[in-house]
Full PDB file with SEQRES, HELIX, SHEET, SSBOND, CRYST1, ORIGX, SCALE, CONECT and MASTER records, all heavy atoms in Angstrom:
SEQRES   1 A   30  VAL LEU GLU LEU THR GLY ALA ASP ILE ALA ARG ALA PHE          
SEQRES   2 A   30  HIS LEU GLY PRO GLY HIS ASP ALA ASP LEU PRO THR VAL          
SEQRES   3 A   30  LEU THR PHE GLY                                              
HELIX    1 AA1 GLY A    6  ARG A   11  1                                   6    
HELIX    2 AA2 LEU A   23  PHE A   29  1                                   7    
CRYST1    1.000    1.000    1.000  90.00  90.00  90.00 P 1           1          
ORIGX1      1.000000  0.000000  0.000000        0.00000                         
ORIGX2      0.000000  1.000000  0.000000        0.00000                         
ORIGX3      0.000000  0.000000  1.000000        0.00000                         
SCALE1      1.000000  0.000000  0.000000        0.00000                         
SCALE2      0.000000  1.000000  0.000000        0.00000                         
SCALE3      0.000000  0.000000  1.000000        0.00000                         
ATOM      1  N   VAL A   1       9.868   6.385  11.325  1.00  0.00           N  
ATOM      2  CA  VAL A   1       9.966   6.470   9.804  1.00  0.00           C  
ATOM      3  C   VAL A   1      10.281   5.043   9.411  1.00  0.00           C  
ATOM      4  O   VAL A   1      11.213   4.455   9.774  1.00  0.00           O  
ATOM      5  CB  VAL A   1      11.149   7.440   9.393  1.00  0.00           C  
ATOM      6  CG1 VAL A   1      11.313   7.445   7.740  1.00  0.00           C  
ATOM      7  CG2 VAL A   1      10.657   8.847   9.887  1.00  0.00           C  
ATOM      8  N   LEU A   2       9.513   4.541   8.399  1.00  0.00           N  
ATOM      9  CA  LEU A   2       9.673   3.255   7.838  1.00  0.00           C  
ATOM     10  C   LEU A   2      10.042   3.320   6.360  1.00  0.00           C  
ATOM     11  O   LEU A   2       9.403   4.219   5.657  1.00  0.00           O  
ATOM     12  CB  LEU A   2       8.437   2.341   8.100  1.00  0.00           C  
ATOM     13  CG  LEU A   2       8.029   2.218   9.499  1.00  0.00           C  
ATOM     14  CD1 LEU A   2       6.621   1.639   9.556  1.00  0.00           C  
ATOM     15  CD2 LEU A   2       8.886   1.368  10.330  1.00  0.00           C  
ATOM     16  N   GLU A   3      10.671   2.395   5.836  1.00  0.00           N  
ATOM     17  CA  GLU A   3      10.944   2.379   4.388  1.00  0.00           C  
ATOM     18  C   GLU A   3      10.491   0.983   3.969  1.00  0.00           C  
ATOM     19  O   GLU A   3      10.903  -0.014   4.423  1.00  0.00           O  
ATOM     20  CB  GLU A   3      12.523   2.425   4.094  1.00  0.00           C  
ATOM     21  CG  GLU A   3      12.754   2.402   2.602  1.00  0.00           C  
ATOM     22  CD  GLU A   3      14.195   2.592   2.232  1.00  0.00           C  
ATOM     23  OE1 GLU A   3      15.006   3.003   3.151  1.00  0.00           O  
ATOM     24  OE2 GLU A   3      14.480   2.647   0.926  1.00  0.00           O  
ATOM     25  N   LEU A   4       9.556   1.027   3.041  1.00  0.00           N  
ATOM     26  CA  LEU A   4       8.861  -0.152   2.503  1.00  0.00           C  
ATOM     27  C   LEU A   4       9.288  -0.487   1.043  1.00  0.00           C  
ATOM     28  O   LEU A   4       9.163   0.628   0.266  1.00  0.00           O  
ATOM     29  CB  LEU A   4       7.393  -0.175   2.759  1.00  0.00           C  
ATOM     30  CG  LEU A   4       6.853   0.190   4.138  1.00  0.00           C  
ATOM     31  CD1 LEU A   4       5.369   0.281   4.116  1.00  0.00           C  
ATOM     32  CD2 LEU A   4       7.289  -0.909   5.081  1.00  0.00           C  
ATOM     33  N   THR A   5       9.445  -1.603   0.720  1.00  0.00           N  
ATOM     34  CA  THR A   5       9.667  -1.941  -0.806  1.00  0.00           C  
ATOM     35  C   THR A   5       8.950  -3.385  -1.041  1.00  0.00           C  
ATOM     36  O   THR A   5       8.855  -4.052   0.038  1.00  0.00           O  
ATOM     37  CB  THR A   5      11.188  -2.025  -1.157  1.00  0.00           C  
ATOM     38  OG1 THR A   5      11.865  -2.985  -0.312  1.00  0.00           O  
ATOM     39  CG2 THR A   5      11.881  -0.737  -1.018  1.00  0.00           C  
ATOM     40  N   GLY A   6       8.724  -3.666  -2.206  1.00  0.00           N  
ATOM     41  CA  GLY A   6       8.220  -5.022  -2.694  1.00  0.00           C  
ATOM     42  C   GLY A   6       7.184  -5.546  -1.783  1.00  0.00           C  
ATOM     43  O   GLY A   6       6.167  -5.029  -1.588  1.00  0.00           O  
ATOM     44  N   ALA A   7       7.442  -6.779  -1.156  1.00  0.00           N  
ATOM     45  CA  ALA A   7       6.449  -7.524  -0.374  1.00  0.00           C  
ATOM     46  C   ALA A   7       5.856  -6.658   0.838  1.00  0.00           C  
ATOM     47  O   ALA A   7       4.830  -6.871   1.354  1.00  0.00           O  
ATOM     48  CB  ALA A   7       6.944  -8.914  -0.024  1.00  0.00           C  
ATOM     49  N   ASP A   8       6.771  -5.806   1.306  1.00  0.00           N  
ATOM     50  CA  ASP A   8       6.482  -5.113   2.571  1.00  0.00           C  
ATOM     51  C   ASP A   8       5.281  -4.118   2.038  1.00  0.00           C  
ATOM     52  O   ASP A   8       4.432  -3.844   2.989  1.00  0.00           O  
ATOM     53  CB  ASP A   8       7.526  -4.115   3.003  1.00  0.00           C  
ATOM     54  CG  ASP A   8       8.705  -5.049   3.647  1.00  0.00           C  
ATOM     55  OD1 ASP A   8       8.522  -6.102   4.181  1.00  0.00           O  
ATOM     56  OD2 ASP A   8       9.819  -4.512   3.524  1.00  0.00           O  
ATOM     57  N   ILE A   9       5.380  -3.667   0.883  1.00  0.00           N  
ATOM     58  CA  ILE A   9       4.254  -2.701   0.498  1.00  0.00           C  
ATOM     59  C   ILE A   9       3.025  -3.501   0.355  1.00  0.00           C  
ATOM     60  O   ILE A   9       1.879  -3.105   0.762  1.00  0.00           O  
ATOM     61  CB  ILE A   9       4.669  -2.033  -0.695  1.00  0.00           C  
ATOM     62  CG1 ILE A   9       5.804  -1.109  -0.678  1.00  0.00           C  
ATOM     63  CG2 ILE A   9       3.457  -1.158  -1.359  1.00  0.00           C  
ATOM     64  CD1 ILE A   9       6.322  -0.501  -1.959  1.00  0.00           C  
ATOM     65  N   ALA A  10       3.078  -4.694  -0.304  1.00  0.00           N  
ATOM     66  CA  ALA A  10       1.918  -5.492  -0.514  1.00  0.00           C  
ATOM     67  C   ALA A  10       1.242  -5.910   0.764  1.00  0.00           C  
ATOM     68  O   ALA A  10      -0.083  -5.988   0.804  1.00  0.00           O  
ATOM     69  CB  ALA A  10       2.316  -6.769  -1.257  1.00  0.00           C  
ATOM     70  N   ARG A  11       1.922  -5.977   1.812  1.00  0.00           N  
ATOM     71  CA  ARG A  11       1.388  -6.434   3.125  1.00  0.00           C  
ATOM     72  C   ARG A  11       0.801  -5.208   3.933  1.00  0.00           C  
ATOM     73  O   ARG A  11       0.234  -5.365   4.890  1.00  0.00           O  
ATOM     74  CB  ARG A  11       2.334  -7.121   4.051  1.00  0.00           C  
ATOM     75  CG  ARG A  11       2.616  -8.602   3.536  1.00  0.00           C  
ATOM     76  CD  ARG A  11       3.512  -9.370   4.459  1.00  0.00           C  
ATOM     77  NE  ARG A  11       4.766  -8.623   4.791  1.00  0.00           N  
ATOM     78  CZ  ARG A  11       5.960  -9.060   4.182  1.00  0.00           C  
ATOM     79  NH1 ARG A  11       5.971  -9.875   3.098  1.00  0.00           N  
ATOM     80  NH2 ARG A  11       6.986  -8.427   4.469  1.00  0.00           N  
ATOM     81  N   ALA A  12       1.140  -3.989   3.486  1.00  0.00           N  
ATOM     82  CA  ALA A  12       0.795  -2.720   4.217  1.00  0.00           C  
ATOM     83  C   ALA A  12      -0.568  -2.361   3.884  1.00  0.00           C  
ATOM     84  O   ALA A  12      -0.766  -1.310   3.418  1.00  0.00           O  
ATOM     85  CB  ALA A  12       1.899  -1.725   3.948  1.00  0.00           C  
ATOM     86  N   PHE A  13      -1.692  -3.122   4.382  1.00  0.00           N  
ATOM     87  CA  PHE A  13      -2.902  -2.634   3.909  1.00  0.00           C  
ATOM     88  C   PHE A  13      -3.430  -1.521   4.802  1.00  0.00           C  
ATOM     89  O   PHE A  13      -4.441  -0.978   4.551  1.00  0.00           O  
ATOM     90  CB  PHE A  13      -4.012  -3.893   4.224  1.00  0.00           C  
ATOM     91  CG  PHE A  13      -3.915  -4.405   5.583  1.00  0.00           C  
ATOM     92  CD1 PHE A  13      -4.893  -3.988   6.532  1.00  0.00           C  
ATOM     93  CD2 PHE A  13      -3.137  -5.575   5.980  1.00  0.00           C  
ATOM     94  CE1 PHE A  13      -4.893  -4.441   7.847  1.00  0.00           C  
ATOM     95  CE2 PHE A  13      -3.054  -6.031   7.308  1.00  0.00           C  
ATOM     96  CZ  PHE A  13      -4.108  -5.547   8.137  1.00  0.00           C  
ATOM     97  N   HIS A  14      -2.721  -1.127   5.814  1.00  0.00           N  
ATOM     98  CA  HIS A  14      -3.086   0.134   6.584  1.00  0.00           C  
ATOM     99  C   HIS A  14      -2.380   1.258   6.122  1.00  0.00           C  
ATOM    100  O   HIS A  14      -2.207   2.293   6.697  1.00  0.00           O  
ATOM    101  CB  HIS A  14      -2.702  -0.038   8.157  1.00  0.00           C  
ATOM    102  CG  HIS A  14      -3.705  -0.964   8.780  1.00  0.00           C  
ATOM    103  ND1 HIS A  14      -4.953  -0.730   8.962  1.00  0.00           N  
ATOM    104  CD2 HIS A  14      -3.458  -2.242   9.263  1.00  0.00           C  
ATOM    105  CE1 HIS A  14      -5.544  -1.767   9.504  1.00  0.00           C  
ATOM    106  NE2 HIS A  14      -4.673  -2.702   9.721  1.00  0.00           N  
ATOM    107  N   LEU A  15      -1.762   1.158   4.951  1.00  0.00           N  
ATOM    108  CA  LEU A  15      -1.116   2.337   4.301  1.00  0.00           C  
ATOM    109  C   LEU A  15      -2.092   3.047   3.250  1.00  0.00           C  
ATOM    110  O   LEU A  15      -2.533   2.519   2.429  1.00  0.00           O  
ATOM    111  CB  LEU A  15       0.261   1.865   3.531  1.00  0.00           C  
ATOM    112  CG  LEU A  15       1.084   2.761   2.893  1.00  0.00           C  
ATOM    113  CD1 LEU A  15       1.753   3.669   4.007  1.00  0.00           C  
ATOM    114  CD2 LEU A  15       2.185   2.106   2.110  1.00  0.00           C  
ATOM    115  N   GLY A  16      -2.167   4.361   3.548  1.00  0.00           N  
ATOM    116  CA  GLY A  16      -2.901   5.149   2.653  1.00  0.00           C  
ATOM    117  C   GLY A  16      -4.327   5.527   3.237  1.00  0.00           C  
ATOM    118  O   GLY A  16      -4.604   5.238   4.372  1.00  0.00           O  
ATOM    119  N   PRO A  17      -5.059   6.178   2.472  1.00  0.00           N  
ATOM    120  CA  PRO A  17      -6.313   6.589   2.849  1.00  0.00           C  
ATOM    121  C   PRO A  17      -7.380   5.578   3.081  1.00  0.00           C  
ATOM    122  O   PRO A  17      -7.479   4.795   2.310  1.00  0.00           O  
ATOM    123  CB  PRO A  17      -6.823   7.737   1.747  1.00  0.00           C  
ATOM    124  CG  PRO A  17      -6.067   7.161   0.570  1.00  0.00           C  
ATOM    125  CD  PRO A  17      -4.865   6.585   1.064  1.00  0.00           C  
ATOM    126  N   GLY A  18      -8.200   5.708   4.153  1.00  0.00           N  
ATOM    127  CA  GLY A  18      -9.261   4.739   4.473  1.00  0.00           C  
ATOM    128  C   GLY A  18     -10.396   5.058   3.571  1.00  0.00           C  
ATOM    129  O   GLY A  18     -11.389   4.173   3.554  1.00  0.00           O  
ATOM    130  N   HIS A  19     -10.494   6.231   2.851  1.00  0.00           N  
ATOM    131  CA  HIS A  19     -11.691   6.458   2.140  1.00  0.00           C  
ATOM    132  C   HIS A  19     -11.618   6.266   0.596  1.00  0.00           C  
ATOM    133  O   HIS A  19     -12.384   6.660  -0.239  1.00  0.00           O  
ATOM    134  CB  HIS A  19     -12.252   7.936   2.192  1.00  0.00           C  
ATOM    135  CG  HIS A  19     -10.952   8.870   2.146  1.00  0.00           C  
ATOM    136  ND1 HIS A  19     -10.066   9.222   3.016  1.00  0.00           N  
ATOM    137  CD2 HIS A  19     -10.653   9.545   1.110  1.00  0.00           C  
ATOM    138  CE1 HIS A  19      -9.261  10.074   2.639  1.00  0.00           C  
ATOM    139  NE2 HIS A  19      -9.484  10.324   1.322  1.00  0.00           N  
ATOM    140  N   ASP A  20     -10.454   5.510   0.217  1.00  0.00           N  
ATOM    141  CA  ASP A  20     -10.141   5.276  -1.335  1.00  0.00           C  
ATOM    142  C   ASP A  20      -9.394   3.913  -1.261  1.00  0.00           C  
ATOM    143  O   ASP A  20      -9.233   3.305  -0.261  1.00  0.00           O  
ATOM    144  CB  ASP A  20      -9.275   6.216  -1.771  1.00  0.00           C  
ATOM    145  CG  ASP A  20      -9.345   6.450  -3.388  1.00  0.00           C  
ATOM    146  OD1 ASP A  20      -9.857   5.465  -3.974  1.00  0.00           O  
ATOM    147  OD2 ASP A  20      -9.002   7.410  -3.911  1.00  0.00           O  
ATOM    148  N   ALA A  21      -9.001   3.571  -2.487  1.00  0.00           N  
ATOM    149  CA  ALA A  21      -8.283   2.259  -2.510  1.00  0.00           C  
ATOM    150  C   ALA A  21      -6.829   2.481  -1.660  1.00  0.00           C  
ATOM    151  O   ALA A  21      -6.270   3.428  -1.872  1.00  0.00           O  
ATOM    152  CB  ALA A  21      -7.910   1.991  -3.983  1.00  0.00           C  
ATOM    153  N   ASP A  22      -6.543   1.410  -1.103  1.00  0.00           N  
ATOM    154  CA  ASP A  22      -5.335   1.339  -0.373  1.00  0.00           C  
ATOM    155  C   ASP A  22      -4.094   1.276  -1.338  1.00  0.00           C  
ATOM    156  O   ASP A  22      -4.225   0.967  -2.445  1.00  0.00           O  
ATOM    157  CB  ASP A  22      -5.117   0.295   0.730  1.00  0.00           C  
ATOM    158  CG  ASP A  22      -5.172  -1.048   0.284  1.00  0.00           C  
ATOM    159  OD1 ASP A  22      -5.115  -1.305  -1.025  1.00  0.00           O  
ATOM    160  OD2 ASP A  22      -5.566  -1.969   1.027  1.00  0.00           O  
ATOM    161  N   LEU A  23      -2.870   1.616  -0.828  1.00  0.00           N  
ATOM    162  CA  LEU A  23      -1.810   1.710  -1.807  1.00  0.00           C  
ATOM    163  C   LEU A  23      -1.452   0.399  -2.500  1.00  0.00           C  
ATOM    164  O   LEU A  23      -1.173   0.347  -3.551  1.00  0.00           O  
ATOM    165  CB  LEU A  23      -0.552   2.264  -1.022  1.00  0.00           C  
ATOM    166  CG  LEU A  23       0.651   2.490  -1.919  1.00  0.00           C  
ATOM    167  CD1 LEU A  23       0.350   3.352  -3.043  1.00  0.00           C  
ATOM    168  CD2 LEU A  23       1.895   2.964  -1.101  1.00  0.00           C  
ATOM    169  N   PRO A  24      -1.402  -0.775  -1.799  1.00  0.00           N  
ATOM    170  CA  PRO A  24      -1.192  -2.083  -2.415  1.00  0.00           C  
ATOM    171  C   PRO A  24      -2.059  -2.268  -3.576  1.00  0.00           C  
ATOM    172  O   PRO A  24      -1.740  -2.698  -4.697  1.00  0.00           O  
ATOM    173  CB  PRO A  24      -1.310  -3.059  -1.422  1.00  0.00           C  
ATOM    174  CG  PRO A  24      -1.002  -2.403  -0.120  1.00  0.00           C  
ATOM    175  CD  PRO A  24      -1.502  -0.934  -0.294  1.00  0.00           C  
ATOM    176  N   THR A  25      -3.401  -1.975  -3.433  1.00  0.00           N  
ATOM    177  CA  THR A  25      -4.329  -2.099  -4.547  1.00  0.00           C  
ATOM    178  C   THR A  25      -4.097  -1.120  -5.646  1.00  0.00           C  
ATOM    179  O   THR A  25      -4.158  -1.522  -6.789  1.00  0.00           O  
ATOM    180  CB  THR A  25      -5.788  -1.782  -3.893  1.00  0.00           C  
ATOM    181  OG1 THR A  25      -5.981  -2.763  -2.867  1.00  0.00           O  
ATOM    182  CG2 THR A  25      -6.849  -1.943  -5.013  1.00  0.00           C  
ATOM    183  N   VAL A  26      -3.757   0.149  -5.356  1.00  0.00           N  
ATOM    184  CA  VAL A  26      -3.376   1.142  -6.316  1.00  0.00           C  
ATOM    185  C   VAL A  26      -2.211   0.611  -7.195  1.00  0.00           C  
ATOM    186  O   VAL A  26      -2.273   0.664  -8.391  1.00  0.00           O  
ATOM    187  CB  VAL A  26      -3.207   2.427  -5.723  1.00  0.00           C  
ATOM    188  CG1 VAL A  26      -2.567   3.463  -6.742  1.00  0.00           C  
ATOM    189  CG2 VAL A  26      -4.418   3.075  -5.106  1.00  0.00           C  
ATOM    190  N   LEU A  27      -1.239   0.114  -6.532  1.00  0.00           N  
ATOM    191  CA  LEU A  27      -0.012  -0.309  -7.292  1.00  0.00           C  
ATOM    192  C   LEU A  27      -0.138  -1.554  -8.124  1.00  0.00           C  
ATOM    193  O   LEU A  27       0.175  -1.452  -9.250  1.00  0.00           O  
ATOM    194  CB  LEU A  27       1.112  -0.508  -6.305  1.00  0.00           C  
ATOM    195  CG  LEU A  27       1.620   0.706  -5.592  1.00  0.00           C  
ATOM    196  CD1 LEU A  27       2.697   0.250  -4.469  1.00  0.00           C  
ATOM    197  CD2 LEU A  27       2.119   1.710  -6.478  1.00  0.00           C  
ATOM    198  N   THR A  28      -1.033  -2.426  -7.707  1.00  0.00           N  
ATOM    199  CA  THR A  28      -1.431  -3.698  -8.444  1.00  0.00           C  
ATOM    200  C   THR A  28      -2.247  -3.075  -9.718  1.00  0.00           C  
ATOM    201  O   THR A  28      -2.086  -3.655 -10.812  1.00  0.00           O  
ATOM    202  CB  THR A  28      -2.326  -4.716  -7.577  1.00  0.00           C  
ATOM    203  OG1 THR A  28      -1.482  -5.045  -6.539  1.00  0.00           O  
ATOM    204  CG2 THR A  28      -2.596  -5.819  -8.401  1.00  0.00           C  
ATOM    205  N   PHE A  29      -3.212  -2.376  -9.495  1.00  0.00           N  
ATOM    206  CA  PHE A  29      -4.011  -1.792 -10.569  1.00  0.00           C  
ATOM    207  C   PHE A  29      -3.233  -1.074 -11.553  1.00  0.00           C  
ATOM    208  O   PHE A  29      -3.334  -1.263 -12.699  1.00  0.00           O  
ATOM    209  CB  PHE A  29      -5.117  -0.875 -10.013  1.00  0.00           C  
ATOM    210  CG  PHE A  29      -6.182  -0.476 -10.914  1.00  0.00           C  
ATOM    211  CD1 PHE A  29      -7.037  -1.376 -11.510  1.00  0.00           C  
ATOM    212  CD2 PHE A  29      -6.200   0.862 -11.315  1.00  0.00           C  
ATOM    213  CE1 PHE A  29      -7.936  -0.983 -12.443  1.00  0.00           C  
ATOM    214  CE2 PHE A  29      -7.185   1.348 -12.235  1.00  0.00           C  
ATOM    215  CZ  PHE A  29      -8.072   0.425 -12.788  1.00  0.00           C  
ATOM    216  N   GLY A  30      -2.290  -0.252 -11.083  1.00  0.00           N  
ATOM    217  CA  GLY A  30      -1.423   0.479 -11.860  1.00  0.00           C  
ATOM    218  C   GLY A  30      -0.547  -0.397 -12.870  1.00  0.00           C  
ATOM    219  O   GLY A  30      -0.395  -0.167 -14.061  1.00  0.00           O  
TER     220      GLY A  30                                                      
MASTER        0    0    0    2    0    0    0    6  219    1    0    3          
END                                                                             
């Protein structure tokens, strides 16, 4: 179990679904 905040999220390109935008992209877009 990992807890990510700030820059850790931005570097986590393997976070989230492979068939849609990854989480860092979603948060930036948001």
